[in-house]
C-alpha atoms as a PDB file:
ATOM      1  CA  UNK A   1     -62.076  -6.042 -64.408  1.00  0.00           C
ATOM      2  CA  UNK A   2     -61.556  -9.675 -63.471  1.00  0.00           C
ATOM      3  CA  UNK A   3     -59.572 -10.204 -60.226  1.00  0.00           C
ATOM      4  CA  UNK A   4     -58.070 -13.398 -61.629  1.00  0.00           C
ATOM      5  CA  UNK A   5     -55.992 -11.300 -64.026  1.00  0.00           C
ATOM      6  CA  UNK A   6     -53.993  -9.999 -61.039  1.00  0.00           C
ATOM      7  CA  UNK A   7     -52.939 -13.461 -59.885  1.00  0.00           C
ATOM      8  CA  UNK A   8     -49.627 -14.493 -61.459  1.00  0.00           C
ATOM      9  CA  UNK A   9     -49.452 -17.845 -63.192  1.00  0.00           C
ATOM     10  CA  UNK A  10     -47.083 -20.316 -61.547  1.00  0.00           C
ATOM     11  CA  UNK A  11     -46.813 -23.241 -63.908  1.00  0.00           C
ATOM     12  CA  UNK A  12     -43.258 -23.949 -62.740  1.00  0.00           C
ATOM     13  CA  UNK A  13     -43.142 -27.232 -60.775  1.00  0.00           C
ATOM     14  CA  UNK A  14     -41.940 -27.189 -57.179  1.00  0.00           C
ATOM     15  CA  UNK A  15     -39.461 -30.001 -56.567  1.00  0.00           C
ATOM     16  CA  UNK A  16     -38.671 -31.622 -53.222  1.00  0.00           C
ATOM     17  CA  UNK A  17     -35.209 -32.830 -52.191  1.00  0.00           C
ATOM     18  CA  UNK A  18     -35.834 -36.328 -53.556  1.00  0.00           C
ATOM     19  CA  UNK A  19     -36.885 -34.927 -56.957  1.00  0.00           C
ATOM     20  CA  UNK A  20     -33.817 -32.677 -57.073  1.00  0.00           C
ATOM     21  CA  UNK A  21     -31.499 -35.515 -56.027  1.00  0.00           C
ATOM     22  CA  UNK A  22     -32.895 -37.706 -58.789  1.00  0.00           C
ATOM     23  CA  UNK A  23     -32.540 -34.909 -61.362  1.00  0.00           C
ATOM     24  CA  UNK A  24     -28.951 -34.053 -60.361  1.00  0.00           C
ATOM     25  CA  UNK A  25     -27.992 -37.687 -59.637  1.00  0.00           C
ATOM     26  CA  UNK A  26     -26.782 -36.842 -56.120  1.00  0.00           C
ATOM     27  CA  UNK A  27     -27.890 -37.898 -52.631  1.00  0.00           C
ATOM     28  CA  UNK A  28     -30.603 -36.134 -50.622  1.00  0.00           C
ATOM     29  CA  UNK A  29     -28.040 -34.988 -48.000  1.00  0.00           C
ATOM     30  CA  UNK A  30     -26.058 -33.405 -50.849  1.00  0.00           C
ATOM     31  CA  UNK A  31     -29.199 -31.557 -51.995  1.00  0.00           C
ATOM     32  CA  UNK A  32     -29.781 -30.225 -48.459  1.00  0.00           C
ATOM     33  CA  UNK A  33     -26.147 -29.060 -48.343  1.00  0.00           C
ATOM     34  CA  UNK A  34     -26.587 -27.291 -51.679  1.00  0.00           C
ATOM     35  CA  UNK A  35     -29.749 -25.614 -50.350  1.00  0.00           C
ATOM     36  CA  UNK A  36     -27.931 -24.403 -47.210  1.00  0.00           C
ATOM     37  CA  UNK A  37     -25.046 -23.066 -49.334  1.00  0.00           C
ATOM     38  CA  UNK A  38     -27.520 -21.162 -51.492  1.00  0.00           C
ATOM     39  CA  UNK A  39     -26.545 -22.928 -54.710  1.00  0.00           C
ATOM     40  CA  UNK A  40     -30.102 -22.313 -55.954  1.00  0.00           C
ATOM     41  CA  UNK A  41     -33.071 -20.375 -54.554  1.00  0.00           C
ATOM     42  CA  UNK A  42     -35.549 -22.272 -52.400  1.00  0.00           C
ATOM     43  CA  UNK A  43     -39.207 -21.835 -51.509  1.00  0.00           C
ATOM     44  CA  UNK A  44     -40.097 -22.359 -47.830  1.00  0.00           C
ATOM     45  CA  UNK A  45     -43.656 -23.279 -46.902  1.00  0.00           C
ATOM     46  CA  UNK A  46     -43.693 -23.819 -43.165  1.00  0.00           C
ATOM     47  CA  UNK A  47     -41.392 -26.788 -42.576  1.00  0.00           C
ATOM     48  CA  UNK A  48     -41.412 -27.780 -46.251  1.00  0.00           C
ATOM     49  CA  UNK A  49     -38.569 -26.732 -48.522  1.00  0.00           C
ATOM     50  CA  UNK A  50     -38.902 -26.840 -52.294  1.00  0.00           C
ATOM     51  CA  UNK A  51     -37.113 -25.432 -55.323  1.00  0.00           C
ATOM     52  CA  UNK A  52     -38.616 -24.342 -58.605  1.00  0.00           C
ATOM     53  CA  UNK A  53     -37.750 -26.617 -61.500  1.00  0.00           C
ATOM     54  CA  UNK A  54     -36.600 -23.566 -63.483  1.00  0.00           C
ATOM     55  CA  UNK A  55     -34.148 -22.692 -60.671  1.00  0.00           C
ATOM     56  CA  UNK A  56     -32.642 -26.187 -60.808  1.00  0.00           C
ATOM     57  CA  UNK A  57     -32.412 -26.005 -64.600  1.00  0.00           C
ATOM     58  CA  UNK A  58     -30.700 -22.592 -64.324  1.00  0.00           C
ATOM     59  CA  UNK A  59     -28.284 -24.054 -61.754  1.00  0.00           C
ATOM     60  CA  UNK A  60     -27.421 -26.848 -64.191  1.00  0.00           C
ATOM     61  CA  UNK A  61     -26.944 -24.337 -67.023  1.00  0.00           C
ATOM     62  CA  UNK A  62     -24.622 -22.104 -64.984  1.00  0.00           C
ATOM     63  CA  UNK A  63     -22.682 -25.094 -63.634  1.00  0.00           C
ATOM     64  CA  UNK A  64     -22.026 -26.589 -67.064  1.00  0.00           C
ATOM     65  CA  UNK A  65     -18.460 -26.083 -68.250  1.00  0.00           C
ATOM     66  CA  UNK A  66     -17.305 -26.379 -71.863  1.00  0.00           C
ATOM     67  CA  UNK A  67     -15.113 -29.351 -72.740  1.00  0.00           C
ATOM     68  CA  UNK A  68     -11.507 -28.517 -73.600  1.00  0.00           C
ATOM     69  CA  UNK A  69      -9.345 -30.608 -75.895  1.00  0.00           C
ATOM     70  CA  UNK A  70      -9.699 -34.349 -76.250  1.00  0.00           C
ATOM     71  CA  UNK A  71     -12.072 -36.213 -78.538  1.00  0.00           C
END
């Protein structure tokens, strides 16, 4: 048996606050506030804080509201 089969594949990109801010079109301080509030899960690596791209995409999906009325 190959030991590499036991290692999960993590192809999901880890985004820093600047990447997330750019993606969401908000400021970096706003991203840090969202992280503290727990708006999306984060990955801590020592002093570094990242979020998986899939978590940010899921946050966008769950935060999207349908349009009502109007053209």
